[in-house]
Amino acid sequence: MSFVHLHVHSHYSILDGACKIPELVDKASRAGMPGIALTDHGNLFGAIDFYDAARAANITPILGYEAYIAIGSRTARGRGHGGYYHLTLLVENRTGYQNLLKIATESYLNGFYYKPRIDNEFLAEHSEGLICLTGCLRGELAQRLIHEEHEEADKLIEFYRECFGDRLYAEYQFNGIDLQKKYLEALIPVAKRHNLPTVITNDVHYLDQEDAIPHDALLCIQTGKKIADPKRLRFSTNDFFLKTPEQMRQDWRGHEDSLLRTVEVAE
């Protein structure tokens, strides 16, 4: 059984991702993956290097982006307007690539406030040719379901469906975090009720499991904290690495269809 990682951060996710693109593509190729996505936080800086490396390795490059979605308007500034959600976007075709370029550009030119943000209005206007995965714990759907805002979660799914049609997928993740388990337990029945196809991702931030230690140092540099600080931002597990298809299958027994669907998305 094959598998394709659809949620991956390179070193272009500045001081957050620790995967260098040549090594990232090489490991995916050696593991027998037919493709791999790149979904850096709020930018497309690595797109060309990634595309060239993947083509040279004879695997499918899936260009993507983890968007920062403003809570409210992307142009709002000041107290109470710095919040945002995450959303995973993948390019399906040339139109999608052009729209993703517009999204990335708008997020910096007019949406930047702590992070390069767009909003749901701009997303809806530029959704053609893009595939949407519902995102990680920082996604709006996750936050709605974790806080048991079920009516708002249903409305959000309908909004996504209006934007993306059959290019919308519920994104399952589990890296050993208790809150992820709570979210999954809420998301699985919701996805079934809305007849959403599902895919599994691993929110890759580093290449190998032992890279969790230097990645932790990167987070300290990003936040200006010391490693010994008990209150600092940290990843609570060392599970955010580029797993092989075999490792993903072992972790997700009983969800083989969702694993295989990642290959369908790549195709």
C-alpha atoms as a PDB file:
ATOM      1  CA  MET A   1       0.000   0.000   0.000  1.00  0.00           C
ATOM      2  CA  SER A   2       1.307   3.425  -0.927  1.00  0.00           C
ATOM      3  CA  PHE A   3       0.808   6.753   0.778  1.00  0.00           C
ATOM      4  CA  VAL A   4       1.504  10.424   0.007  1.00  0.00           C
ATOM      5  CA  HIS A   5       2.242  13.087   2.612  1.00  0.00           C
ATOM      6  CA  LEU A   6      -0.079  16.053   1.937  1.00  0.00           C
ATOM      7  CA  HIS A   7       0.885  18.312   4.874  1.00  0.00           C
ATOM      8  CA  VAL A   8       4.621  19.021   4.964  1.00  0.00           C
ATOM      9  CA  HIS A   9       6.753  21.949   6.159  1.00  0.00           C
ATOM     10  CA  SER A  10      10.221  22.661   4.796  1.00  0.00           C
ATOM     11  CA  HIS A  11      12.822  25.060   6.189  1.00  0.00           C
ATOM     12  CA  TYR A  12      10.878  27.777   4.346  1.00  0.00           C
ATOM     13  CA  SER A  13       8.386  27.587   7.228  1.00  0.00           C
ATOM     14  CA  ILE A  14      10.832  29.898   8.909  1.00  0.00           C
ATOM     15  CA  LEU A  15      12.138  28.681  12.301  1.00  0.00           C
ATOM     16  CA  ASP A  16       9.327  26.113  12.409  1.00  0.00           C
ATOM     17  CA  GLY A  17      10.013  23.592   9.642  1.00  0.00           C
ATOM     18  CA  ALA A  18      13.323  21.727   9.603  1.00  0.00           C
ATOM     19  CA  CYS A  19      13.123  19.721   6.355  1.00  0.00           C
ATOM     20  CA  LYS A  20      15.605  20.729   3.672  1.00  0.00           C
ATOM     21  CA  ILE A  21      13.979  20.249   0.298  1.00  0.00           C
ATOM     22  CA  PRO A  22      16.578  17.955  -1.389  1.00  0.00           C
ATOM     23  CA  GLU A  23      16.623  15.594   1.605  1.00  0.00           C
ATOM     24  CA  LEU A  24      12.831  15.745   1.896  1.00  0.00           C
ATOM     25  CA  VAL A  25      12.287  14.703  -1.706  1.00  0.00           C
ATOM     26  CA  ASP A  26      15.027  12.071  -1.501  1.00  0.00           C
ATOM     27  CA  LYS A  27      13.472  10.361   1.522  1.00  0.00           C
ATOM     28  CA  ALA A  28      10.019  10.377  -0.085  1.00  0.00           C
ATOM     29  CA  SER A  29      11.469   8.825  -3.233  1.00  0.00           C
ATOM     30  CA  ARG A  30      13.444   6.158  -1.362  1.00  0.00           C
ATOM     31  CA  ALA A  31      10.323   5.261   0.631  1.00  0.00           C
ATOM     32  CA  GLY A  32       8.461   4.544  -2.603  1.00  0.00           C
ATOM     33  CA  MET A  33       5.998   7.422  -2.358  1.00  0.00           C
ATOM     34  CA  PRO A  34       4.599   8.412  -5.778  1.00  0.00           C
ATOM     35  CA  GLY A  35       4.387  12.092  -4.744  1.00  0.00           C
ATOM     36  CA  ILE A  36       4.707  14.563  -1.904  1.00  0.00           C
ATOM     37  CA  ALA A  37       3.220  17.953  -1.058  1.00  0.00           C
ATOM     38  CA  LEU A  38       4.833  21.113   0.271  1.00  0.00           C
ATOM     39  CA  THR A  39       2.596  23.219   2.526  1.00  0.00           C
ATOM     40  CA  ASP A  40       4.752  25.839   4.184  1.00  0.00           C
ATOM     41  CA  HIS A  41       3.240  28.349   6.582  1.00  0.00           C
ATOM     42  CA  GLY A  42       1.934  31.381   4.709  1.00  0.00           C
ATOM     43  CA  ASN A  43       4.418  31.366   1.813  1.00  0.00           C
ATOM     44  CA  LEU A  44       5.438  29.753  -1.470  1.00  0.00           C
ATOM     45  CA  PHE A  45       9.146  30.535  -1.116  1.00  0.00           C
ATOM     46  CA  GLY A  46      10.191  26.918  -1.682  1.00  0.00           C
ATOM     47  CA  ALA A  47       7.818  26.110  -4.550  1.00  0.00           C
ATOM     48  CA  ILE A  48      10.281  26.243  -7.448  1.00  0.00           C
ATOM     49  CA  ASP A  49      13.115  24.395  -5.660  1.00  0.00           C
ATOM     50  CA  PHE A  50      10.632  21.774  -4.507  1.00  0.00           C
ATOM     51  CA  TYR A  51       9.040  21.354  -7.943  1.00  0.00           C
ATOM     52  CA  ASP A  52      12.403  20.929  -9.662  1.00  0.00           C
ATOM     53  CA  ALA A  53      13.688  18.467  -7.044  1.00  0.00           C
ATOM     54  CA  ALA A  54      10.552  16.319  -7.173  1.00  0.00           C
ATOM     55  CA  ARG A  55      10.506  16.204 -10.969  1.00  0.00           C
ATOM     56  CA  ALA A  56      14.174  15.221 -11.011  1.00  0.00           C
ATOM     57  CA  ALA A  57      13.359  12.381  -8.587  1.00  0.00           C
ATOM     58  CA  ASN A  58      10.436  11.288 -10.787  1.00  0.00           C
ATOM     59  CA  ILE A  59       7.778  11.817  -8.118  1.00  0.00           C
ATOM     60  CA  THR A  60       4.757  14.109  -8.269  1.00  0.00           C
ATOM     61  CA  PRO A  61       5.307  17.546  -6.694  1.00  0.00           C
ATOM     62  CA  ILE A  62       2.125  18.829  -5.077  1.00  0.00           C
ATOM     63  CA  LEU A  63       2.392  22.565  -4.558  1.00  0.00           C
ATOM     64  CA  GLY A  64       0.543  23.795  -1.532  1.00  0.00           C
ATOM     65  CA  TYR A  65       0.294  26.242   1.313  1.00  0.00           C
ATOM     66  CA  GLU A  66      -0.875  26.322   4.916  1.00  0.00           C
ATOM     67  CA  ALA A  67      -2.898  29.494   4.972  1.00  0.00           C
ATOM     68  CA  TYR A  68      -3.386  31.830   7.896  1.00  0.00           C
ATOM     69  CA  ILE A  69      -7.099  32.666   7.879  1.00  0.00           C
ATOM     70  CA  ALA A  70      -7.864  35.873   9.765  1.00  0.00           C
ATOM     71  CA  ILE A  71     -10.592  35.798  12.387  1.00  0.00           C
ATOM     72  CA  GLY A  72     -12.684  38.503  10.758  1.00  0.00           C
ATOM     73  CA  SER A  73     -11.332  40.752   8.021  1.00  0.00           C
ATOM     74  CA  ARG A  74      -7.773  40.354   6.710  1.00  0.00           C
ATOM     75  CA  THR A  75      -7.411  44.137   6.716  1.00  0.00           C
ATOM     76  CA  ALA A  76      -8.365  44.608  10.382  1.00  0.00           C
ATOM     77  CA  ARG A  77      -5.593  45.778  12.701  1.00  0.00           C
ATOM     78  CA  GLY A  78      -5.240  46.602  16.356  1.00  0.00           C
ATOM     79  CA  ARG A  79      -6.367  45.057  19.600  1.00  0.00           C
ATOM     80  CA  GLY A  80      -8.413  41.909  19.146  1.00  0.00           C
ATOM     81  CA  HIS A  81      -7.616  41.461  15.440  1.00  0.00           C
ATOM     82  CA  GLY A  82      -4.424  39.391  15.537  1.00  0.00           C
ATOM     83  CA  GLY A  83      -6.076  35.981  15.707  1.00  0.00           C
ATOM     84  CA  TYR A  84      -6.005  33.459  12.870  1.00  0.00           C
ATOM     85  CA  TYR A  85      -6.757  29.853  11.930  1.00  0.00           C
ATOM     86  CA  HIS A  86      -4.792  27.402   9.754  1.00  0.00           C
ATOM     87  CA  LEU A  87      -6.110  25.820   6.548  1.00  0.00           C
ATOM     88  CA  THR A  88      -4.340  23.403   4.175  1.00  0.00           C
ATOM     89  CA  LEU A  89      -4.558  24.246   0.461  1.00  0.00           C
ATOM     90  CA  LEU A  90      -3.164  22.180  -2.436  1.00  0.00           C
ATOM     91  CA  VAL A  91      -2.837  23.086  -6.110  1.00  0.00           C
ATOM     92  CA  GLU A  92      -4.880  20.960  -8.517  1.00  0.00           C
ATOM     93  CA  ASN A  93      -4.073  22.682 -11.818  1.00  0.00           C
ATOM     94  CA  ARG A  94      -2.688  25.859 -13.383  1.00  0.00           C
ATOM     95  CA  THR A  95      -5.708  27.925 -12.331  1.00  0.00           C
ATOM     96  CA  GLY A  96      -5.211  26.751  -8.762  1.00  0.00           C
ATOM     97  CA  TYR A  97      -1.541  27.710  -8.871  1.00  0.00           C
ATOM     98  CA  GLN A  98      -2.428  31.181 -10.131  1.00  0.00           C
ATOM     99  CA  ASN A  99      -5.015  31.546  -7.369  1.00  0.00           C
ATOM    100  CA  LEU A 100      -2.553  30.384  -4.731  1.00  0.00           C
ATOM    101  CA  LEU A 101      -0.063  32.990  -5.957  1.00  0.00           C
ATOM    102  CA  LYS A 102      -2.771  35.636  -5.544  1.00  0.00           C
ATOM    103  CA  ILE A 103      -3.597  34.363  -2.064  1.00  0.00           C
ATOM    104  CA  ALA A 104       0.051  34.415  -0.980  1.00  0.00           C
ATOM    105  CA  THR A 105       0.566  37.891  -2.426  1.00  0.00           C
ATOM    106  CA  GLU A 106      -2.583  39.358  -0.869  1.00  0.00           C
ATOM    107  CA  SER A 107      -1.677  37.889   2.523  1.00  0.00           C
ATOM    108  CA  TYR A 108       1.528  39.936   2.590  1.00  0.00           C
ATOM    109  CA  LEU A 109       0.428  43.118   0.800  1.00  0.00           C
ATOM    110  CA  ASN A 110      -2.884  43.715   2.559  1.00  0.00           C
ATOM    111  CA  GLY A 111      -3.373  40.993   5.142  1.00  0.00           C
ATOM    112  CA  PHE A 112      -0.122  41.052   7.080  1.00  0.00           C
ATOM    113  CA  TYR A 113      -0.583  41.580  10.807  1.00  0.00           C
ATOM    114  CA  TYR A 114       1.808  39.421  12.829  1.00  0.00           C
ATOM    115  CA  LYS A 115       1.240  36.763  10.137  1.00  0.00           C
ATOM    116  CA  PRO A 116       0.498  36.947   6.380  1.00  0.00           C
ATOM    117  CA  ARG A 117      -3.281  36.448   6.455  1.00  0.00           C
ATOM    118  CA  ILE A 118      -6.185  36.138   4.102  1.00  0.00           C
ATOM    119  CA  ASP A 119      -9.829  35.827   5.123  1.00  0.00           C
ATOM    120  CA  ASN A 120     -12.733  33.614   4.123  1.00  0.00           C
ATOM    121  CA  GLU A 121     -14.022  36.234   1.683  1.00  0.00           C
ATOM    122  CA  PHE A 122     -10.762  36.269  -0.276  1.00  0.00           C
ATOM    123  CA  LEU A 123     -10.539  32.487  -0.049  1.00  0.00           C
ATOM    124  CA  ALA A 124     -13.993  32.090  -1.603  1.00  0.00           C
ATOM    125  CA  GLU A 125     -13.066  34.412  -4.489  1.00  0.00           C
ATOM    126  CA  HIS A 126      -9.886  32.433  -5.257  1.00  0.00           C
ATOM    127  CA  SER A 127     -10.828  28.831  -4.535  1.00  0.00           C
ATOM    128  CA  GLU A 128     -11.023  27.549  -8.110  1.00  0.00           C
ATOM    129  CA  GLY A 129      -8.398  24.925  -8.882  1.00  0.00           C
ATOM    130  CA  LEU A 130      -7.491  24.397  -5.229  1.00  0.00           C
ATOM    131  CA  ILE A 131      -7.969  21.322  -3.040  1.00  0.00           C
ATOM    132  CA  CYS A 132      -8.809  22.010   0.604  1.00  0.00           C
ATOM    133  CA  LEU A 133      -7.962  19.855   3.617  1.00  0.00           C
ATOM    134  CA  THR A 134      -9.698  20.950   6.799  1.00  0.00           C
ATOM    135  CA  GLY A 135      -6.436  21.492   8.682  1.00  0.00           C
ATOM    136  CA  CYS A 136      -4.726  20.822  11.992  1.00  0.00           C
ATOM    137  CA  LEU A 137      -5.667  21.651  15.591  1.00  0.00           C
ATOM    138  CA  ARG A 138      -5.207  25.330  14.738  1.00  0.00           C
ATOM    139  CA  GLY A 139      -7.853  25.066  12.020  1.00  0.00           C
ATOM    140  CA  GLU A 140     -11.242  26.698  12.464  1.00  0.00           C
ATOM    141  CA  LEU A 141     -13.105  23.404  12.136  1.00  0.00           C
ATOM    142  CA  ALA A 142     -10.964  21.881  14.880  1.00  0.00           C
ATOM    143  CA  GLN A 143     -11.589  24.814  17.178  1.00  0.00           C
ATOM    144  CA  ARG A 144     -15.331  24.716  16.560  1.00  0.00           C
ATOM    145  CA  LEU A 145     -15.559  21.006  17.311  1.00  0.00           C
ATOM    146  CA  ILE A 146     -13.231  21.055  20.314  1.00  0.00           C
ATOM    147  CA  HIS A 147     -15.379  23.785  21.859  1.00  0.00           C
ATOM    148  CA  GLU A 148     -18.543  21.878  20.890  1.00  0.00           C
ATOM    149  CA  GLU A 149     -19.793  24.621  18.577  1.00  0.00           C
ATOM    150  CA  HIS A 150     -21.503  22.076  16.339  1.00  0.00           C
ATOM    151  CA  GLU A 151     -23.842  24.425  14.518  1.00  0.00           C
ATOM    152  CA  GLU A 152     -20.956  26.724  13.582  1.00  0.00           C
ATOM    153  CA  ALA A 153     -18.915  23.684  12.492  1.00  0.00           C
ATOM    154  CA  ASP A 154     -21.740  22.575  10.177  1.00  0.00           C
ATOM    155  CA  LYS A 155     -21.981  26.066   8.664  1.00  0.00           C
ATOM    156  CA  LEU A 156     -18.218  26.137   8.123  1.00  0.00           C
ATOM    157  CA  ILE A 157     -18.250  22.798   6.301  1.00  0.00           C
ATOM    158  CA  GLU A 158     -21.034  24.051   4.051  1.00  0.00           C
ATOM    159  CA  PHE A 159     -19.001  27.186   3.315  1.00  0.00           C
ATOM    160  CA  TYR A 160     -15.967  25.075   2.405  1.00  0.00           C
ATOM    161  CA  ARG A 161     -18.140  22.872   0.231  1.00  0.00           C
ATOM    162  CA  GLU A 162     -19.513  25.896  -1.621  1.00  0.00           C
ATOM    163  CA  CYS A 163     -15.920  27.017  -2.272  1.00  0.00           C
ATOM    164  CA  PHE A 164     -14.320  23.683  -3.141  1.00  0.00           C
ATOM    165  CA  GLY A 165     -17.105  21.250  -4.053  1.00  0.00           C
ATOM    166  CA  ASP A 166     -15.741  17.700  -4.264  1.00  0.00           C
ATOM    167  CA  ARG A 167     -12.209  19.050  -3.672  1.00  0.00           C
ATOM    168  CA  LEU A 168     -12.837  19.231   0.082  1.00  0.00           C
ATOM    169  CA  TYR A 169     -11.355  16.575   2.380  1.00  0.00           C
ATOM    170  CA  ALA A 170     -11.559  16.047   6.123  1.00  0.00           C
ATOM    171  CA  GLU A 171      -7.977  15.929   7.412  1.00  0.00           C
ATOM    172  CA  TYR A 172      -7.209  13.357  10.086  1.00  0.00           C
ATOM    173  CA  GLN A 173      -4.062  13.854  12.208  1.00  0.00           C
ATOM    174  CA  PHE A 174      -2.708  12.169  15.301  1.00  0.00           C
ATOM    175  CA  ASN A 175       0.799  12.812  16.624  1.00  0.00           C
ATOM    176  CA  GLY A 176       0.189  11.473  20.115  1.00  0.00           C
ATOM    177  CA  ILE A 177      -1.455  14.656  21.434  1.00  0.00           C
ATOM    178  CA  ASP A 178      -4.502  14.244  23.668  1.00  0.00           C
ATOM    179  CA  LEU A 179      -6.321  17.216  22.140  1.00  0.00           C
ATOM    180  CA  GLN A 180      -5.903  15.701  18.676  1.00  0.00           C
ATOM    181  CA  LYS A 181      -7.631  12.562  19.938  1.00  0.00           C
ATOM    182  CA  LYS A 182     -10.528  14.642  21.233  1.00  0.00           C
ATOM    183  CA  TYR A 183     -10.780  16.428  17.883  1.00  0.00           C
ATOM    184  CA  LEU A 184     -10.672  13.160  15.927  1.00  0.00           C
ATOM    185  CA  GLU A 185     -13.438  11.674  18.038  1.00  0.00           C
ATOM    186  CA  ALA A 186     -15.585  14.678  17.123  1.00  0.00           C
ATOM    187  CA  LEU A 187     -14.494  14.950  13.482  1.00  0.00           C
ATOM    188  CA  ILE A 188     -15.015  11.330  12.392  1.00  0.00           C
ATOM    189  CA  PRO A 189     -18.825  11.317  12.867  1.00  0.00           C
ATOM    190  CA  VAL A 190     -19.104  14.843  11.436  1.00  0.00           C
ATOM    191  CA  ALA A 191     -17.201  13.808   8.301  1.00  0.00           C
ATOM    192  CA  LYS A 192     -19.506  10.802   7.889  1.00  0.00           C
ATOM    193  CA  ARG A 193     -22.619  12.902   8.387  1.00  0.00           C
ATOM    194  CA  HIS A 194     -21.500  15.433   5.762  1.00  0.00           C
ATOM    195  CA  ASN A 195     -20.264  12.664   3.459  1.00  0.00           C
ATOM    196  CA  LEU A 196     -16.764  14.161   3.391  1.00  0.00           C
ATOM    197  CA  PRO A 197     -13.932  12.075   1.937  1.00  0.00           C
ATOM    198  CA  THR A 198     -11.079  11.729   4.417  1.00  0.00           C
ATOM    199  CA  VAL A 199      -7.302  11.800   4.165  1.00  0.00           C
ATOM    200  CA  ILE A 200      -4.607  11.276   6.770  1.00  0.00           C
ATOM    201  CA  THR A 201      -1.648  13.619   7.219  1.00  0.00           C
ATOM    202  CA  ASN A 202       1.206  13.770   9.720  1.00  0.00           C
ATOM    203  CA  ASP A 203       1.864  17.550   9.844  1.00  0.00           C
ATOM    204  CA  VAL A 204       5.531  16.946   8.980  1.00  0.00           C
ATOM    205  CA  HIS A 205       7.972  19.470  10.475  1.00  0.00           C
ATOM    206  CA  TYR A 206      11.226  17.503  10.385  1.00  0.00           C
ATOM    207  CA  LEU A 207      12.655  14.620   8.402  1.00  0.00           C
ATOM    208  CA  ASP A 208      13.500  11.914  10.957  1.00  0.00           C
ATOM    209  CA  GLN A 209      12.300  11.271  14.489  1.00  0.00           C
ATOM    210  CA  GLU A 210      15.661  12.178  16.041  1.00  0.00           C
ATOM    211  CA  ASP A 211      15.390  15.620  14.401  1.00  0.00           C
ATOM    212  CA  ALA A 212      12.810  16.559  17.051  1.00  0.00           C
ATOM    213  CA  ILE A 213      15.656  17.814  19.269  1.00  0.00           C
ATOM    214  CA  PRO A 214      17.188  20.360  16.830  1.00  0.00           C
ATOM    215  CA  HIS A 215      13.650  21.298  15.761  1.00  0.00           C
ATOM    216  CA  ASP A 216      12.920  22.161  19.389  1.00  0.00           C
ATOM    217  CA  ALA A 217      15.918  24.511  19.325  1.00  0.00           C
ATOM    218  CA  LEU A 218      14.474  26.184  16.216  1.00  0.00           C
ATOM    219  CA  LEU A 219      11.251  26.902  18.099  1.00  0.00           C
ATOM    220  CA  CYS A 220      13.275  28.508  20.882  1.00  0.00           C
ATOM    221  CA  ILE A 221      15.024  30.793  18.392  1.00  0.00           C
ATOM    222  CA  GLN A 222      11.654  31.687  16.849  1.00  0.00           C
ATOM    223  CA  THR A 223      10.094  32.610  20.193  1.00  0.00           C
ATOM    224  CA  GLY A 224      13.178  34.069  21.888  1.00  0.00           C
ATOM    225  CA  LYS A 225      13.056  31.505  24.683  1.00  0.00           C
ATOM    226  CA  LYS A 226      15.591  29.204  26.327  1.00  0.00           C
ATOM    227  CA  ILE A 227      15.304  25.436  26.051  1.00  0.00           C
ATOM    228  CA  ALA A 228      15.072  25.176  29.851  1.00  0.00           C
ATOM    229  CA  ASP A 229      12.038  27.486  30.002  1.00  0.00           C
ATOM    230  CA  PRO A 230       9.126  25.264  31.148  1.00  0.00           C
ATOM    231  CA  LYS A 231       6.476  27.701  29.862  1.00  0.00           C
ATOM    232  CA  ARG A 232       7.749  28.097  26.308  1.00  0.00           C
ATOM    233  CA  LEU A 233       6.156  26.887  23.060  1.00  0.00           C
ATOM    234  CA  ARG A 234       7.089  23.283  22.351  1.00  0.00           C
ATOM    235  CA  PHE A 235       5.833  20.251  20.442  1.00  0.00           C
ATOM    236  CA  SER A 236       4.768  17.772  23.116  1.00  0.00           C
ATOM    237  CA  THR A 237       5.777  14.674  21.106  1.00  0.00           C
ATOM    238  CA  ASN A 238       8.534  13.686  18.644  1.00  0.00           C
ATOM    239  CA  ASP A 239       6.056  12.350  16.099  1.00  0.00           C
ATOM    240  CA  PHE A 240       6.046  15.160  13.508  1.00  0.00           C
ATOM    241  CA  PHE A 241       8.458  13.494  11.069  1.00  0.00           C
ATOM    242  CA  LEU A 242       8.258  12.139   7.512  1.00  0.00           C
ATOM    243  CA  LYS A 243       7.024   8.627   8.178  1.00  0.00           C
ATOM    244  CA  THR A 244       7.230   5.871   5.590  1.00  0.00           C
ATOM    245  CA  PRO A 245       4.029   4.387   4.153  1.00  0.00           C
ATOM    246  CA  GLU A 246       4.612   1.345   6.362  1.00  0.00           C
ATOM    247  CA  GLN A 247       4.829   3.488   9.491  1.00  0.00           C
ATOM    248  CA  MET A 248       1.668   5.363   8.549  1.00  0.00           C
ATOM    249  CA  ARG A 249      -0.154   2.063   7.963  1.00  0.00           C
ATOM    250  CA  GLN A 250       0.910   0.770  11.379  1.00  0.00           C
ATOM    251  CA  ASP A 251      -0.269   3.980  13.056  1.00  0.00           C
ATOM    252  CA  TRP A 252      -3.610   4.066  11.261  1.00  0.00           C
ATOM    253  CA  ARG A 253      -4.876   0.496  11.173  1.00  0.00           C
ATOM    254  CA  GLY A 254      -8.547   0.498  10.261  1.00  0.00           C
ATOM    255  CA  HIS A 255      -8.205   3.699   8.205  1.00  0.00           C
ATOM    256  CA  GLU A 256      -6.630   2.181   5.082  1.00  0.00           C
ATOM    257  CA  ASP A 257      -9.115   3.933   2.770  1.00  0.00           C
ATOM    258  CA  SER A 258      -8.087   7.339   4.123  1.00  0.00           C
ATOM    259  CA  LEU A 259      -4.414   6.459   3.645  1.00  0.00           C
ATOM    260  CA  LEU A 260      -4.977   5.338   0.058  1.00  0.00           C
ATOM    261  CA  ARG A 261      -7.041   8.420  -0.701  1.00  0.00           C
ATOM    262  CA  THR A 262      -3.865  10.516  -0.315  1.00  0.00           C
ATOM    263  CA  VAL A 263      -2.607   8.787  -3.465  1.00  0.00           C
ATOM    264  CA  GLU A 264      -5.844   9.675  -5.256  1.00  0.00           C
ATOM    265  CA  VAL A 265      -5.330  13.321  -4.304  1.00  0.00           C
ATOM    266  CA  ALA A 266      -1.777  13.166  -5.635  1.00  0.00           C
ATOM    267  CA  GLU A 267      -3.027  11.742  -8.901  1.00  0.00           C
END
